Protein backbone atom coordinates (compact mmCIF):
# COMPACT_ATOMS: atom_id res chain seq x y z
CA MET A 1 17.13 46.20 -61.01
CA GLY A 2 19.52 45.46 -58.17
CA ALA A 3 22.03 42.83 -57.18
CA LEU A 4 21.42 39.96 -54.84
CA ALA A 5 24.51 38.84 -52.98
CA GLY A 6 25.29 36.93 -49.85
CA LYS A 7 28.26 35.75 -47.88
CA VAL A 8 28.98 32.11 -47.19
CA VAL A 9 31.30 31.51 -44.22
CA HIS A 10 32.69 28.16 -43.11
CA ARG A 11 35.20 27.40 -40.34
CA THR A 12 37.19 24.23 -39.78
CA GLU A 13 39.34 23.22 -36.85
CA ILE A 14 41.95 20.47 -36.96
CA LEU A 15 44.02 19.35 -33.99
CA ILE A 16 47.41 17.59 -34.22
CA ARG A 17 48.85 15.88 -31.14
CA PRO A 18 51.39 13.15 -30.33
CA SER A 19 49.61 9.77 -30.36
CA ALA A 20 51.26 8.61 -27.13
CA ALA A 21 54.12 9.54 -24.81
CA GLY A 22 57.44 8.24 -26.09
CA ASN A 23 55.96 7.55 -29.52
CA ALA A 24 56.93 9.42 -32.71
CA GLU A 25 53.43 9.07 -34.20
CA TYR A 26 51.01 12.00 -34.39
CA SER A 27 47.23 11.95 -34.50
CA VAL A 28 45.16 14.36 -36.56
CA PHE A 29 41.64 15.03 -35.27
CA SER A 30 38.94 16.59 -37.44
CA ARG A 31 35.18 16.34 -37.88
CA LEU A 32 35.94 13.35 -40.12
CA GLY A 33 37.56 11.46 -37.23
CA LYS A 34 41.14 10.56 -36.32
CA GLU A 35 44.07 9.72 -38.61
CA VAL A 36 47.51 8.61 -37.37
CA PHE A 37 50.81 9.48 -39.08
CA GLU A 38 54.40 8.34 -38.56
CA ASP A 39 55.74 11.82 -37.84
CA TYR A 40 54.75 15.43 -37.27
CA GLY A 41 55.62 16.58 -40.80
CA GLU A 42 53.23 14.08 -42.39
CA ALA A 43 50.49 14.95 -39.89
CA LEU A 44 50.88 18.70 -40.50
CA ASP A 45 50.87 18.26 -44.29
CA TYR A 46 47.69 16.17 -44.08
CA GLY A 47 46.04 18.68 -41.72
CA LEU A 48 46.80 21.65 -43.99
CA LYS A 49 45.44 19.86 -47.08
CA LEU A 50 42.41 18.59 -45.19
CA SER A 51 41.52 22.08 -43.96
CA HIS A 52 41.62 23.43 -47.51
CA ARG A 53 39.62 20.45 -48.82
CA LEU A 54 36.88 20.78 -46.18
CA ILE A 55 36.42 24.49 -46.95
CA SER A 56 36.48 23.81 -50.70
CA GLU A 57 33.87 21.05 -50.47
CA TYR A 58 31.60 23.23 -48.33
CA MET A 59 31.85 26.17 -50.73
CA ASP A 60 31.28 23.87 -53.68
CA GLY A 61 27.91 23.04 -52.14
CA TYR A 62 26.99 26.69 -52.71
CA GLY A 63 28.32 26.64 -56.26
CA LEU A 64 31.43 28.65 -55.33
CA GLU A 65 34.84 27.93 -56.81
CA MET A 66 37.84 28.48 -54.52
CA ASP A 67 38.91 31.30 -56.90
CA ASN A 68 35.95 33.25 -55.45
CA VAL A 69 36.66 32.35 -51.82
CA LYS A 70 38.93 34.15 -49.36
CA PHE A 71 40.68 31.36 -47.47
CA ASP A 72 42.54 32.10 -44.25
CA LEU A 73 44.47 29.53 -42.24
CA LYS A 74 45.92 30.11 -38.79
CA GLN A 75 48.36 27.71 -37.17
CA ASN A 76 48.70 27.84 -33.39
CA ASP A 77 51.49 25.73 -31.90
CA VAL A 78 51.67 24.94 -28.18
CA GLY A 79 54.80 23.76 -26.34
CA SER A 80 57.43 21.62 -28.00
CA ARG A 81 58.68 18.08 -28.09
CA GLY A 82 62.08 18.29 -29.71
CA LYS A 83 61.47 20.05 -33.03
CA ALA A 84 57.70 19.40 -33.11
CA PRO A 85 55.00 21.18 -31.08
CA LEU A 86 53.07 19.31 -28.38
CA GLU A 87 49.89 20.48 -30.05
CA THR A 88 49.02 22.24 -33.29
CA ARG A 89 45.60 23.72 -33.94
CA LEU A 90 44.77 24.60 -37.55
CA ILE A 91 41.84 26.95 -37.95
CA GLY A 92 40.64 27.47 -41.50
CA VAL A 93 38.06 30.05 -42.49
CA GLY A 94 36.58 30.42 -45.94
CA ILE A 95 34.46 33.42 -46.94
CA GLY A 96 32.72 33.29 -50.29
CA THR A 97 30.37 35.74 -51.91
CA THR A 98 27.41 34.61 -53.93
CA GLY A 99 25.87 37.14 -56.20
CA LYS A 100 23.86 37.53 -59.35
CA LEU A 101 22.82 40.69 -61.06
CA ALA A 102 19.07 40.88 -61.35
C-alpha cells in the first residue's frame, strides 16, 4: 500500500494605508472589506492577526491544524509618514500537507 498526500496552499493579501491626508487614522483592506483604526500600530496588529486567522480558517476547511501548516508572512513597507509607512502590504502564505497512509 502507498501513501496519499497533497498540498494545500492559500495566500492572503492585506493592505494598510492612511485613511486620509492629515489624518492619523489608518485603513486596513482585506477580502473581508475595510476596517479603520486610530493609528498605524493598531492597524498593523489587526492586519497581522487577520492574515493568520484567514490562513487558519482556510486550512481548517481541509481538516488541517496550524501545527501542520507552514505559515510565512512578508511585510512590505512603502515610503514613510513620520514613523509609519505610507503603505504596508502583508502577504501571508500557508502551505499544509494532507496525507493518510493507505
